[in-house]
PDBML (XML) file of the C-alpha atoms, coordinates in Angstrom:
<?xml version="1.0" encoding="UTF-8" ?>
<PDBx:datablock datablockName="MODEL"
   xmlns:PDBx="http://pdbml.pdb.org/schema/pdbx-v50.xsd"
   xmlns:xsi="http://www.w3.org/2001/XMLSchema-instance"
   xsi:schemaLocation="http://pdbml.pdb.org/schema/pdbx-v50.xsd pdbx-v50.xsd">
   <PDBx:atom_siteCategory>
      <PDBx:atom_site id="1">
         <PDBx:B_iso_or_equiv>0.00</PDBx:B_iso_or_equiv>
         <PDBx:Cartn_x>-26.965</PDBx:Cartn_x>
         <PDBx:Cartn_y>-0.625</PDBx:Cartn_y>
         <PDBx:Cartn_z>25.421</PDBx:Cartn_z>
         <PDBx:auth_asym_id>A</PDBx:auth_asym_id>
         <PDBx:auth_atom_id>CA</PDBx:auth_atom_id>
         <PDBx:auth_comp_id>HIS</PDBx:auth_comp_id>
         <PDBx:auth_seq_id>1</PDBx:auth_seq_id>
         <PDBx:group_PDB>ATOM</PDBx:group_PDB>
         <PDBx:label_alt_id xsi:nil="true" />
         <PDBx:label_asym_id>A</PDBx:label_asym_id>
         <PDBx:label_atom_id>CA</PDBx:label_atom_id>
         <PDBx:label_comp_id>HIS</PDBx:label_comp_id>
         <PDBx:label_entity_id>1</PDBx:label_entity_id>
         <PDBx:label_seq_id>1</PDBx:label_seq_id>
         <PDBx:occupancy>1.00</PDBx:occupancy>
         <PDBx:pdbx_PDB_model_num>1</PDBx:pdbx_PDB_model_num>
         <PDBx:type_symbol>C</PDBx:type_symbol>
      </PDBx:atom_site>
      <PDBx:atom_site id="2">
         <PDBx:B_iso_or_equiv>0.00</PDBx:B_iso_or_equiv>
         <PDBx:Cartn_x>-29.978</PDBx:Cartn_x>
         <PDBx:Cartn_y>-2.177</PDBx:Cartn_y>
         <PDBx:Cartn_z>27.137</PDBx:Cartn_z>
         <PDBx:auth_asym_id>A</PDBx:auth_asym_id>
         <PDBx:auth_atom_id>CA</PDBx:auth_atom_id>
         <PDBx:auth_comp_id>GLU</PDBx:auth_comp_id>
         <PDBx:auth_seq_id>2</PDBx:auth_seq_id>
         <PDBx:group_PDB>ATOM</PDBx:group_PDB>
         <PDBx:label_alt_id xsi:nil="true" />
         <PDBx:label_asym_id>A</PDBx:label_asym_id>
         <PDBx:label_atom_id>CA</PDBx:label_atom_id>
         <PDBx:label_comp_id>GLU</PDBx:label_comp_id>
         <PDBx:label_entity_id>1</PDBx:label_entity_id>
         <PDBx:label_seq_id>2</PDBx:label_seq_id>
         <PDBx:occupancy>1.00</PDBx:occupancy>
         <PDBx:pdbx_PDB_model_num>1</PDBx:pdbx_PDB_model_num>
         <PDBx:type_symbol>C</PDBx:type_symbol>
      </PDBx:atom_site>
      <PDBx:atom_site id="3">
         <PDBx:B_iso_or_equiv>0.00</PDBx:B_iso_or_equiv>
         <PDBx:Cartn_x>-27.463</PDBx:Cartn_x>
         <PDBx:Cartn_y>-4.503</PDBx:Cartn_y>
         <PDBx:Cartn_z>28.800</PDBx:Cartn_z>
         <PDBx:auth_asym_id>A</PDBx:auth_asym_id>
         <PDBx:auth_atom_id>CA</PDBx:auth_atom_id>
         <PDBx:auth_comp_id>LYS</PDBx:auth_comp_id>
         <PDBx:auth_seq_id>3</PDBx:auth_seq_id>
         <PDBx:group_PDB>ATOM</PDBx:group_PDB>
         <PDBx:label_alt_id xsi:nil="true" />
         <PDBx:label_asym_id>A</PDBx:label_asym_id>
         <PDBx:label_atom_id>CA</PDBx:label_atom_id>
         <PDBx:label_comp_id>LYS</PDBx:label_comp_id>
         <PDBx:label_entity_id>1</PDBx:label_entity_id>
         <PDBx:label_seq_id>3</PDBx:label_seq_id>
         <PDBx:occupancy>1.00</PDBx:occupancy>
         <PDBx:pdbx_PDB_model_num>1</PDBx:pdbx_PDB_model_num>
         <PDBx:type_symbol>C</PDBx:type_symbol>
      </PDBx:atom_site>
      <PDBx:atom_site id="4">
         <PDBx:B_iso_or_equiv>0.00</PDBx:B_iso_or_equiv>
         <PDBx:Cartn_x>-25.315</PDBx:Cartn_x>
         <PDBx:Cartn_y>-1.518</PDBx:Cartn_y>
         <PDBx:Cartn_z>29.907</PDBx:Cartn_z>
         <PDBx:auth_asym_id>A</PDBx:auth_asym_id>
         <PDBx:auth_atom_id>CA</PDBx:auth_atom_id>
         <PDBx:auth_comp_id>ASN</PDBx:auth_comp_id>
         <PDBx:auth_seq_id>4</PDBx:auth_seq_id>
         <PDBx:group_PDB>ATOM</PDBx:group_PDB>
         <PDBx:label_alt_id xsi:nil="true" />
         <PDBx:label_asym_id>A</PDBx:label_asym_id>
         <PDBx:label_atom_id>CA</PDBx:label_atom_id>
         <PDBx:label_comp_id>ASN</PDBx:label_comp_id>
         <PDBx:label_entity_id>1</PDBx:label_entity_id>
         <PDBx:label_seq_id>4</PDBx:label_seq_id>
         <PDBx:occupancy>1.00</PDBx:occupancy>
         <PDBx:pdbx_PDB_model_num>1</PDBx:pdbx_PDB_model_num>
         <PDBx:type_symbol>C</PDBx:type_symbol>
      </PDBx:atom_site>
      <PDBx:atom_site id="5">
         <PDBx:B_iso_or_equiv>0.00</PDBx:B_iso_or_equiv>
         <PDBx:Cartn_x>-22.534</PDBx:Cartn_x>
         <PDBx:Cartn_y>-2.374</PDBx:Cartn_y>
         <PDBx:Cartn_z>27.446</PDBx:Cartn_z>
         <PDBx:auth_asym_id>A</PDBx:auth_asym_id>
         <PDBx:auth_atom_id>CA</PDBx:auth_atom_id>
         <PDBx:auth_comp_id>ILE</PDBx:auth_comp_id>
         <PDBx:auth_seq_id>5</PDBx:auth_seq_id>
         <PDBx:group_PDB>ATOM</PDBx:group_PDB>
         <PDBx:label_alt_id xsi:nil="true" />
         <PDBx:label_asym_id>A</PDBx:label_asym_id>
         <PDBx:label_atom_id>CA</PDBx:label_atom_id>
         <PDBx:label_comp_id>ILE</PDBx:label_comp_id>
         <PDBx:label_entity_id>1</PDBx:label_entity_id>
         <PDBx:label_seq_id>5</PDBx:label_seq_id>
         <PDBx:occupancy>1.00</PDBx:occupancy>
         <PDBx:pdbx_PDB_model_num>1</PDBx:pdbx_PDB_model_num>
         <PDBx:type_symbol>C</PDBx:type_symbol>
      </PDBx:atom_site>
      <PDBx:atom_site id="6">
         <PDBx:B_iso_or_equiv>0.00</PDBx:B_iso_or_equiv>
         <PDBx:Cartn_x>-20.704</PDBx:Cartn_x>
         <PDBx:Cartn_y>0.149</PDBx:Cartn_y>
         <PDBx:Cartn_z>25.260</PDBx:Cartn_z>
         <PDBx:auth_asym_id>A</PDBx:auth_asym_id>
         <PDBx:auth_atom_id>CA</PDBx:auth_atom_id>
         <PDBx:auth_comp_id>LEU</PDBx:auth_comp_id>
         <PDBx:auth_seq_id>6</PDBx:auth_seq_id>
         <PDBx:group_PDB>ATOM</PDBx:group_PDB>
         <PDBx:label_alt_id xsi:nil="true" />
         <PDBx:label_asym_id>A</PDBx:label_asym_id>
         <PDBx:label_atom_id>CA</PDBx:label_atom_id>
         <PDBx:label_comp_id>LEU</PDBx:label_comp_id>
         <PDBx:label_entity_id>1</PDBx:label_entity_id>
         <PDBx:label_seq_id>6</PDBx:label_seq_id>
         <PDBx:occupancy>1.00</PDBx:occupancy>
         <PDBx:pdbx_PDB_model_num>1</PDBx:pdbx_PDB_model_num>
         <PDBx:type_symbol>C</PDBx:type_symbol>
      </PDBx:atom_site>
      <PDBx:atom_site id="7">
         <PDBx:B_iso_or_equiv>0.00</PDBx:B_iso_or_equiv>
         <PDBx:Cartn_x>-18.899</PDBx:Cartn_x>
         <PDBx:Cartn_y>-1.057</PDBx:Cartn_y>
         <PDBx:Cartn_z>22.139</PDBx:Cartn_z>
         <PDBx:auth_asym_id>A</PDBx:auth_asym_id>
         <PDBx:auth_atom_id>CA</PDBx:auth_atom_id>
         <PDBx:auth_comp_id>HIS</PDBx:auth_comp_id>
         <PDBx:auth_seq_id>7</PDBx:auth_seq_id>
         <PDBx:group_PDB>ATOM</PDBx:group_PDB>
         <PDBx:label_alt_id xsi:nil="true" />
         <PDBx:label_asym_id>A</PDBx:label_asym_id>
         <PDBx:label_atom_id>CA</PDBx:label_atom_id>
         <PDBx:label_comp_id>HIS</PDBx:label_comp_id>
         <PDBx:label_entity_id>1</PDBx:label_entity_id>
         <PDBx:label_seq_id>7</PDBx:label_seq_id>
         <PDBx:occupancy>1.00</PDBx:occupancy>
         <PDBx:pdbx_PDB_model_num>1</PDBx:pdbx_PDB_model_num>
         <PDBx:type_symbol>C</PDBx:type_symbol>
      </PDBx:atom_site>
      <PDBx:atom_site id="8">
         <PDBx:B_iso_or_equiv>0.00</PDBx:B_iso_or_equiv>
         <PDBx:Cartn_x>-16.499</PDBx:Cartn_x>
         <PDBx:Cartn_y>1.952</PDBx:Cartn_y>
         <PDBx:Cartn_z>21.956</PDBx:Cartn_z>
         <PDBx:auth_asym_id>A</PDBx:auth_asym_id>
         <PDBx:auth_atom_id>CA</PDBx:auth_atom_id>
         <PDBx:auth_comp_id>LEU</PDBx:auth_comp_id>
         <PDBx:auth_seq_id>8</PDBx:auth_seq_id>
         <PDBx:group_PDB>ATOM</PDBx:group_PDB>
         <PDBx:label_alt_id xsi:nil="true" />
         <PDBx:label_asym_id>A</PDBx:label_asym_id>
         <PDBx:label_atom_id>CA</PDBx:label_atom_id>
         <PDBx:label_comp_id>LEU</PDBx:label_comp_id>
         <PDBx:label_entity_id>1</PDBx:label_entity_id>
         <PDBx:label_seq_id>8</PDBx:label_seq_id>
         <PDBx:occupancy>1.00</PDBx:occupancy>
         <PDBx:pdbx_PDB_model_num>1</PDBx:pdbx_PDB_model_num>
         <PDBx:type_symbol>C</PDBx:type_symbol>
      </PDBx:atom_site>
      <PDBx:atom_site id="9">
         <PDBx:B_iso_or_equiv>0.00</PDBx:B_iso_or_equiv>
         <PDBx:Cartn_x>-14.889</PDBx:Cartn_x>
         <PDBx:Cartn_y>1.013</PDBx:Cartn_y>
         <PDBx:Cartn_z>18.629</PDBx:Cartn_z>
         <PDBx:auth_asym_id>A</PDBx:auth_asym_id>
         <PDBx:auth_atom_id>CA</PDBx:auth_atom_id>
         <PDBx:auth_comp_id>ASP</PDBx:auth_comp_id>
         <PDBx:auth_seq_id>9</PDBx:auth_seq_id>
         <PDBx:group_PDB>ATOM</PDBx:group_PDB>
         <PDBx:label_alt_id xsi:nil="true" />
         <PDBx:label_asym_id>A</PDBx:label_asym_id>
         <PDBx:label_atom_id>CA</PDBx:label_atom_id>
         <PDBx:label_comp_id>ASP</PDBx:label_comp_id>
         <PDBx:label_entity_id>1</PDBx:label_entity_id>
         <PDBx:label_seq_id>9</PDBx:label_seq_id>
         <PDBx:occupancy>1.00</PDBx:occupancy>
         <PDBx:pdbx_PDB_model_num>1</PDBx:pdbx_PDB_model_num>
         <PDBx:type_symbol>C</PDBx:type_symbol>
      </PDBx:atom_site>
      <PDBx:atom_site id="10">
         <PDBx:B_iso_or_equiv>0.00</PDBx:B_iso_or_equiv>
         <PDBx:Cartn_x>-17.554</PDBx:Cartn_x>
         <PDBx:Cartn_y>1.360</PDBx:Cartn_y>
         <PDBx:Cartn_z>15.934</PDBx:Cartn_z>
         <PDBx:auth_asym_id>A</PDBx:auth_asym_id>
         <PDBx:auth_atom_id>CA</PDBx:auth_atom_id>
         <PDBx:auth_comp_id>ILE</PDBx:auth_comp_id>
         <PDBx:auth_seq_id>10</PDBx:auth_seq_id>
         <PDBx:group_PDB>ATOM</PDBx:group_PDB>
         <PDBx:label_alt_id xsi:nil="true" />
         <PDBx:label_asym_id>A</PDBx:label_asym_id>
         <PDBx:label_atom_id>CA</PDBx:label_atom_id>
         <PDBx:label_comp_id>ILE</PDBx:label_comp_id>
         <PDBx:label_entity_id>1</PDBx:label_entity_id>
         <PDBx:label_seq_id>10</PDBx:label_seq_id>
         <PDBx:occupancy>1.00</PDBx:occupancy>
         <PDBx:pdbx_PDB_model_num>1</PDBx:pdbx_PDB_model_num>
         <PDBx:type_symbol>C</PDBx:type_symbol>
      </PDBx:atom_site>
      <PDBx:atom_site id="11">
         <PDBx:B_iso_or_equiv>0.00</PDBx:B_iso_or_equiv>
         <PDBx:Cartn_x>-16.034</PDBx:Cartn_x>
         <PDBx:Cartn_y>1.992</PDBx:Cartn_y>
         <PDBx:Cartn_z>12.504</PDBx:Cartn_z>
         <PDBx:auth_asym_id>A</PDBx:auth_asym_id>
         <PDBx:auth_atom_id>CA</PDBx:auth_atom_id>
         <PDBx:auth_comp_id>LYS</PDBx:auth_comp_id>
         <PDBx:auth_seq_id>11</PDBx:auth_seq_id>
         <PDBx:group_PDB>ATOM</PDBx:group_PDB>
         <PDBx:label_alt_id xsi:nil="true" />
         <PDBx:label_asym_id>A</PDBx:label_asym_id>
         <PDBx:label_atom_id>CA</PDBx:label_atom_id>
         <PDBx:label_comp_id>LYS</PDBx:label_comp_id>
         <PDBx:label_entity_id>1</PDBx:label_entity_id>
         <PDBx:label_seq_id>11</PDBx:label_seq_id>
         <PDBx:occupancy>1.00</PDBx:occupancy>
         <PDBx:pdbx_PDB_model_num>1</PDBx:pdbx_PDB_model_num>
         <PDBx:type_symbol>C</PDBx:type_symbol>
      </PDBx:atom_site>
      <PDBx:atom_site id="12">
         <PDBx:B_iso_or_equiv>0.00</PDBx:B_iso_or_equiv>
         <PDBx:Cartn_x>-16.413</PDBx:Cartn_x>
         <PDBx:Cartn_y>0.533</PDBx:Cartn_y>
         <PDBx:Cartn_z>8.982</PDBx:Cartn_z>
         <PDBx:auth_asym_id>A</PDBx:auth_asym_id>
         <PDBx:auth_atom_id>CA</PDBx:auth_atom_id>
         <PDBx:auth_comp_id>PRO</PDBx:auth_comp_id>
         <PDBx:auth_seq_id>12</PDBx:auth_seq_id>
         <PDBx:group_PDB>ATOM</PDBx:group_PDB>
         <PDBx:label_alt_id xsi:nil="true" />
         <PDBx:label_asym_id>A</PDBx:label_asym_id>
         <PDBx:label_atom_id>CA</PDBx:label_atom_id>
         <PDBx:label_comp_id>PRO</PDBx:label_comp_id>
         <PDBx:label_entity_id>1</PDBx:label_entity_id>
         <PDBx:label_seq_id>12</PDBx:label_seq_id>
         <PDBx:occupancy>1.00</PDBx:occupancy>
         <PDBx:pdbx_PDB_model_num>1</PDBx:pdbx_PDB_model_num>
         <PDBx:type_symbol>C</PDBx:type_symbol>
      </PDBx:atom_site>
      <PDBx:atom_site id="13">
         <PDBx:B_iso_or_equiv>0.00</PDBx:B_iso_or_equiv>
         <PDBx:Cartn_x>-13.745</PDBx:Cartn_x>
         <PDBx:Cartn_y>-2.127</PDBx:Cartn_y>
         <PDBx:Cartn_z>9.518</PDBx:Cartn_z>
         <PDBx:auth_asym_id>A</PDBx:auth_asym_id>
         <PDBx:auth_atom_id>CA</PDBx:auth_atom_id>
         <PDBx:auth_comp_id>SER</PDBx:auth_comp_id>
         <PDBx:auth_seq_id>13</PDBx:auth_seq_id>
         <PDBx:group_PDB>ATOM</PDBx:group_PDB>
         <PDBx:label_alt_id xsi:nil="true" />
         <PDBx:label_asym_id>A</PDBx:label_asym_id>
         <PDBx:label_atom_id>CA</PDBx:label_atom_id>
         <PDBx:label_comp_id>SER</PDBx:label_comp_id>
         <PDBx:label_entity_id>1</PDBx:label_entity_id>
         <PDBx:label_seq_id>13</PDBx:label_seq_id>
         <PDBx:occupancy>1.00</PDBx:occupancy>
         <PDBx:pdbx_PDB_model_num>1</PDBx:pdbx_PDB_model_num>
         <PDBx:type_symbol>C</PDBx:type_symbol>
      </PDBx:atom_site>
      <PDBx:atom_site id="14">
         <PDBx:B_iso_or_equiv>0.00</PDBx:B_iso_or_equiv>
         <PDBx:Cartn_x>-15.687</PDBx:Cartn_x>
         <PDBx:Cartn_y>-3.472</PDBx:Cartn_y>
         <PDBx:Cartn_z>12.521</PDBx:Cartn_z>
         <PDBx:auth_asym_id>A</PDBx:auth_asym_id>
         <PDBx:auth_atom_id>CA</PDBx:auth_atom_id>
         <PDBx:auth_comp_id>ASN</PDBx:auth_comp_id>
         <PDBx:auth_seq_id>14</PDBx:auth_seq_id>
         <PDBx:group_PDB>ATOM</PDBx:group_PDB>
         <PDBx:label_alt_id xsi:nil="true" />
         <PDBx:label_asym_id>A</PDBx:label_asym_id>
         <PDBx:label_atom_id>CA</PDBx:label_atom_id>
         <PDBx:label_comp_id>ASN</PDBx:label_comp_id>
         <PDBx:label_entity_id>1</PDBx:label_entity_id>
         <PDBx:label_seq_id>14</PDBx:label_seq_id>
         <PDBx:occupancy>1.00</PDBx:occupancy>
         <PDBx:pdbx_PDB_model_num>1</PDBx:pdbx_PDB_model_num>
         <PDBx:type_symbol>C</PDBx:type_symbol>
      </PDBx:atom_site>
      <PDBx:atom_site id="15">
         <PDBx:B_iso_or_equiv>0.00</PDBx:B_iso_or_equiv>
         <PDBx:Cartn_x>-18.905</PDBx:Cartn_x>
         <PDBx:Cartn_y>-3.951</PDBx:Cartn_y>
         <PDBx:Cartn_z>10.546</PDBx:Cartn_z>
         <PDBx:auth_asym_id>A</PDBx:auth_asym_id>
         <PDBx:auth_atom_id>CA</PDBx:auth_atom_id>
         <PDBx:auth_comp_id>ILE</PDBx:auth_comp_id>
         <PDBx:auth_seq_id>15</PDBx:auth_seq_id>
         <PDBx:group_PDB>ATOM</PDBx:group_PDB>
         <PDBx:label_alt_id xsi:nil="true" />
         <PDBx:label_asym_id>A</PDBx:label_asym_id>
         <PDBx:label_atom_id>CA</PDBx:label_atom_id>
         <PDBx:label_comp_id>ILE</PDBx:label_comp_id>
         <PDBx:label_entity_id>1</PDBx:label_entity_id>
         <PDBx:label_seq_id>15</PDBx:label_seq_id>
         <PDBx:occupancy>1.00</PDBx:occupancy>
         <PDBx:pdbx_PDB_model_num>1</PDBx:pdbx_PDB_model_num>
         <PDBx:type_symbol>C</PDBx:type_symbol>
      </PDBx:atom_site>
      <PDBx:atom_site id="16">
         <PDBx:B_iso_or_equiv>0.00</PDBx:B_iso_or_equiv>
         <PDBx:Cartn_x>-19.070</PDBx:Cartn_x>
         <PDBx:Cartn_y>-7.056</PDBx:Cartn_y>
         <PDBx:Cartn_z>8.366</PDBx:Cartn_z>
         <PDBx:auth_asym_id>A</PDBx:auth_asym_id>
         <PDBx:auth_atom_id>CA</PDBx:auth_atom_id>
         <PDBx:auth_comp_id>LEU</PDBx:auth_comp_id>
         <PDBx:auth_seq_id>16</PDBx:auth_seq_id>
         <PDBx:group_PDB>ATOM</PDBx:group_PDB>
         <PDBx:label_alt_id xsi:nil="true" />
         <PDBx:label_asym_id>A</PDBx:label_asym_id>
         <PDBx:label_atom_id>CA</PDBx:label_atom_id>
         <PDBx:label_comp_id>LEU</PDBx:label_comp_id>
         <PDBx:label_entity_id>1</PDBx:label_entity_id>
         <PDBx:label_seq_id>16</PDBx:label_seq_id>
         <PDBx:occupancy>1.00</PDBx:occupancy>
         <PDBx:pdbx_PDB_model_num>1</PDBx:pdbx_PDB_model_num>
         <PDBx:type_symbol>C</PDBx:type_symbol>
      </PDBx:atom_site>
      <PDBx:atom_site id="17">
         <PDBx:B_iso_or_equiv>0.00</PDBx:B_iso_or_equiv>
         <PDBx:Cartn_x>-21.624</PDBx:Cartn_x>
         <PDBx:Cartn_y>-7.608</PDBx:Cartn_y>
         <PDBx:Cartn_z>5.612</PDBx:Cartn_z>
         <PDBx:auth_asym_id>A</PDBx:auth_asym_id>
         <PDBx:auth_atom_id>CA</PDBx:auth_atom_id>
         <PDBx:auth_comp_id>ILE</PDBx:auth_comp_id>
         <PDBx:auth_seq_id>17</PDBx:auth_seq_id>
         <PDBx:group_PDB>ATOM</PDBx:group_PDB>
         <PDBx:label_alt_id xsi:nil="true" />
         <PDBx:label_asym_id>A</PDBx:label_asym_id>
         <PDBx:label_atom_id>CA</PDBx:label_atom_id>
         <PDBx:label_comp_id>ILE</PDBx:label_comp_id>
         <PDBx:label_entity_id>1</PDBx:label_entity_id>
         <PDBx:label_seq_id>17</PDBx:label_seq_id>
         <PDBx:occupancy>1.00</PDBx:occupancy>
         <PDBx:pdbx_PDB_model_num>1</PDBx:pdbx_PDB_model_num>
         <PDBx:type_symbol>C</PDBx:type_symbol>
      </PDBx:atom_site>
      <PDBx:atom_site id="18">
         <PDBx:B_iso_or_equiv>0.00</PDBx:B_iso_or_equiv>
         <PDBx:Cartn_x>-22.473</PDBx:Cartn_x>
         <PDBx:Cartn_y>-11.298</PDBx:Cartn_y>
         <PDBx:Cartn_z>5.406</PDBx:Cartn_z>
         <PDBx:auth_asym_id>A</PDBx:auth_asym_id>
         <PDBx:auth_atom_id>CA</PDBx:auth_atom_id>
         <PDBx:auth_comp_id>ASP</PDBx:auth_comp_id>
         <PDBx:auth_seq_id>18</PDBx:auth_seq_id>
         <PDBx:group_PDB>ATOM</PDBx:group_PDB>
         <PDBx:label_alt_id xsi:nil="true" />
         <PDBx:label_asym_id>A</PDBx:label_asym_id>
         <PDBx:label_atom_id>CA</PDBx:label_atom_id>
         <PDBx:label_comp_id>ASP</PDBx:label_comp_id>
         <PDBx:label_entity_id>1</PDBx:label_entity_id>
         <PDBx:label_seq_id>18</PDBx:label_seq_id>
         <PDBx:occupancy>1.00</PDBx:occupancy>
         <PDBx:pdbx_PDB_model_num>1</PDBx:pdbx_PDB_model_num>
         <PDBx:type_symbol>C</PDBx:type_symbol>
      </PDBx:atom_site>
      <PDBx:atom_site id="19">
         <PDBx:B_iso_or_equiv>0.00</PDBx:B_iso_or_equiv>
         <PDBx:Cartn_x>-23.401</PDBx:Cartn_x>
         <PDBx:Cartn_y>-13.359</PDBx:Cartn_y>
         <PDBx:Cartn_z>2.365</PDBx:Cartn_z>
         <PDBx:auth_asym_id>A</PDBx:auth_asym_id>
         <PDBx:auth_atom_id>CA</PDBx:auth_atom_id>
         <PDBx:auth_comp_id>SER</PDBx:auth_comp_id>
         <PDBx:auth_seq_id>19</PDBx:auth_seq_id>
         <PDBx:group_PDB>ATOM</PDBx:group_PDB>
         <PDBx:label_alt_id xsi:nil="true" />
         <PDBx:label_asym_id>A</PDBx:label_asym_id>
         <PDBx:label_atom_id>CA</PDBx:label_atom_id>
         <PDBx:label_comp_id>SER</PDBx:label_comp_id>
         <PDBx:label_entity_id>1</PDBx:label_entity_id>
         <PDBx:label_seq_id>19</PDBx:label_seq_id>
         <PDBx:occupancy>1.00</PDBx:occupancy>
         <PDBx:pdbx_PDB_model_num>1</PDBx:pdbx_PDB_model_num>
         <PDBx:type_symbol>C</PDBx:type_symbol>
      </PDBx:atom_site>
      <PDBx:atom_site id="20">
         <PDBx:B_iso_or_equiv>0.00</PDBx:B_iso_or_equiv>
         <PDBx:Cartn_x>-27.088</PDBx:Cartn_x>
         <PDBx:Cartn_y>-12.465</PDBx:Cartn_y>
         <PDBx:Cartn_z>2.743</PDBx:Cartn_z>
         <PDBx:auth_asym_id>A</PDBx:auth_asym_id>
         <PDBx:auth_atom_id>CA</PDBx:auth_atom_id>
         <PDBx:auth_comp_id>SER</PDBx:auth_comp_id>
         <PDBx:auth_seq_id>20</PDBx:auth_seq_id>
         <PDBx:group_PDB>ATOM</PDBx:group_PDB>
         <PDBx:label_alt_id xsi:nil="true" />
         <PDBx:label_asym_id>A</PDBx:label_asym_id>
         <PDBx:label_atom_id>CA</PDBx:label_atom_id>
         <PDBx:label_comp_id>SER</PDBx:label_comp_id>
         <PDBx:label_entity_id>1</PDBx:label_entity_id>
         <PDBx:label_seq_id>20</PDBx:label_seq_id>
         <PDBx:occupancy>1.00</PDBx:occupancy>
         <PDBx:pdbx_PDB_model_num>1</PDBx:pdbx_PDB_model_num>
         <PDBx:type_symbol>C</PDBx:type_symbol>
      </PDBx:atom_site>
      <PDBx:atom_site id="21">
         <PDBx:B_iso_or_equiv>0.00</PDBx:B_iso_or_equiv>
         <PDBx:Cartn_x>-26.350</PDBx:Cartn_x>
         <PDBx:Cartn_y>-8.731</PDBx:Cartn_y>
         <PDBx:Cartn_z>2.811</PDBx:Cartn_z>
         <PDBx:auth_asym_id>A</PDBx:auth_asym_id>
         <PDBx:auth_atom_id>CA</PDBx:auth_atom_id>
         <PDBx:auth_comp_id>GLY</PDBx:auth_comp_id>
         <PDBx:auth_seq_id>21</PDBx:auth_seq_id>
         <PDBx:group_PDB>ATOM</PDBx:group_PDB>
         <PDBx:label_alt_id xsi:nil="true" />
         <PDBx:label_asym_id>A</PDBx:label_asym_id>
         <PDBx:label_atom_id>CA</PDBx:label_atom_id>
         <PDBx:label_comp_id>GLY</PDBx:label_comp_id>
         <PDBx:label_entity_id>1</PDBx:label_entity_id>
         <PDBx:label_seq_id>21</PDBx:label_seq_id>
         <PDBx:occupancy>1.00</PDBx:occupancy>
         <PDBx:pdbx_PDB_model_num>1</PDBx:pdbx_PDB_model_num>
         <PDBx:type_symbol>C</PDBx:type_symbol>
      </PDBx:atom_site>
      <PDBx:atom_site id="22">
         <PDBx:B_iso_or_equiv>0.00</PDBx:B_iso_or_equiv>
         <PDBx:Cartn_x>-26.870</PDBx:Cartn_x>
         <PDBx:Cartn_y>-8.282</PDBx:Cartn_y>
         <PDBx:Cartn_z>6.557</PDBx:Cartn_z>
         <PDBx:auth_asym_id>A</PDBx:auth_asym_id>
         <PDBx:auth_atom_id>CA</PDBx:auth_atom_id>
         <PDBx:auth_comp_id>LYS</PDBx:auth_comp_id>
         <PDBx:auth_seq_id>22</PDBx:auth_seq_id>
         <PDBx:group_PDB>ATOM</PDBx:group_PDB>
         <PDBx:label_alt_id xsi:nil="true" />
         <PDBx:label_asym_id>A</PDBx:label_asym_id>
         <PDBx:label_atom_id>CA</PDBx:label_atom_id>
         <PDBx:label_comp_id>LYS</PDBx:label_comp_id>
         <PDBx:label_entity_id>1</PDBx:label_entity_id>
         <PDBx:label_seq_id>22</PDBx:label_seq_id>
         <PDBx:occupancy>1.00</PDBx:occupancy>
         <PDBx:pdbx_PDB_model_num>1</PDBx:pdbx_PDB_model_num>
         <PDBx:type_symbol>C</PDBx:type_symbol>
      </PDBx:atom_site>
      <PDBx:atom_site id="23">
         <PDBx:B_iso_or_equiv>0.00</PDBx:B_iso_or_equiv>
         <PDBx:Cartn_x>-24.570</PDBx:Cartn_x>
         <PDBx:Cartn_y>-6.128</PDBx:Cartn_y>
         <PDBx:Cartn_z>8.704</PDBx:Cartn_z>
         <PDBx:auth_asym_id>A</PDBx:auth_asym_id>
         <PDBx:auth_atom_id>CA</PDBx:auth_atom_id>
         <PDBx:auth_comp_id>ALA</PDBx:auth_comp_id>
         <PDBx:auth_seq_id>23</PDBx:auth_seq_id>
         <PDBx:group_PDB>ATOM</PDBx:group_PDB>
         <PDBx:label_alt_id xsi:nil="true" />
         <PDBx:label_asym_id>A</PDBx:label_asym_id>
         <PDBx:label_atom_id>CA</PDBx:label_atom_id>
         <PDBx:label_comp_id>ALA</PDBx:label_comp_id>
         <PDBx:label_entity_id>1</PDBx:label_entity_id>
         <PDBx:label_seq_id>23</PDBx:label_seq_id>
         <PDBx:occupancy>1.00</PDBx:occupancy>
         <PDBx:pdbx_PDB_model_num>1</PDBx:pdbx_PDB_model_num>
         <PDBx:type_symbol>C</PDBx:type_symbol>
      </PDBx:atom_site>
      <PDBx:atom_site id="24">
         <PDBx:B_iso_or_equiv>0.00</PDBx:B_iso_or_equiv>
         <PDBx:Cartn_x>-22.818</PDBx:Cartn_x>
         <PDBx:Cartn_y>-7.767</PDBx:Cartn_y>
         <PDBx:Cartn_z>11.657</PDBx:Cartn_z>
         <PDBx:auth_asym_id>A</PDBx:auth_asym_id>
         <PDBx:auth_atom_id>CA</PDBx:auth_atom_id>
         <PDBx:auth_comp_id>ARG</PDBx:auth_comp_id>
         <PDBx:auth_seq_id>24</PDBx:auth_seq_id>
         <PDBx:group_PDB>ATOM</PDBx:group_PDB>
         <PDBx:label_alt_id xsi:nil="true" />
         <PDBx:label_asym_id>A</PDBx:label_asym_id>
         <PDBx:label_atom_id>CA</PDBx:label_atom_id>
         <PDBx:label_comp_id>ARG</PDBx:label_comp_id>
         <PDBx:label_entity_id>1</PDBx:label_entity_id>
         <PDBx:label_seq_id>24</PDBx:label_seq_id>
         <PDBx:occupancy>1.00</PDBx:occupancy>
         <PDBx:pdbx_PDB_model_num>1</PDBx:pdbx_PDB_model_num>
         <PDBx:type_symbol>C</PDBx:type_symbol>
      </PDBx:atom_site>
      <PDBx:atom_site id="25">
         <PDBx:B_iso_or_equiv>0.00</PDBx:B_iso_or_equiv>
         <PDBx:Cartn_x>-21.039</PDBx:Cartn_x>
         <PDBx:Cartn_y>-5.849</PDBx:Cartn_y>
         <PDBx:Cartn_z>14.423</PDBx:Cartn_z>
         <PDBx:auth_asym_id>A</PDBx:auth_asym_id>
         <PDBx:auth_atom_id>CA</PDBx:auth_atom_id>
         <PDBx:auth_comp_id>LEU</PDBx:auth_comp_id>
         <PDBx:auth_seq_id>25</PDBx:auth_seq_id>
         <PDBx:group_PDB>ATOM</PDBx:group_PDB>
         <PDBx:label_alt_id xsi:nil="true" />
         <PDBx:label_asym_id>A</PDBx:label_asym_id>
         <PDBx:label_atom_id>CA</PDBx:label_atom_id>
         <PDBx:label_comp_id>LEU</PDBx:label_comp_id>
         <PDBx:label_entity_id>1</PDBx:label_entity_id>
         <PDBx:label_seq_id>25</PDBx:label_seq_id>
         <PDBx:occupancy>1.00</PDBx:occupancy>
         <PDBx:pdbx_PDB_model_num>1</PDBx:pdbx_PDB_model_num>
         <PDBx:type_symbol>C</PDBx:type_symbol>
      </PDBx:atom_site>
   </PDBx:atom_siteCategory>
</PDBx:datablock>
């Protein structure tokens, strides 16, 4: 958002949890 970008498709299927347990958009 600080870069004036909107994602516009946030939902559970677009959030990955990596092998270290961190969320990735």
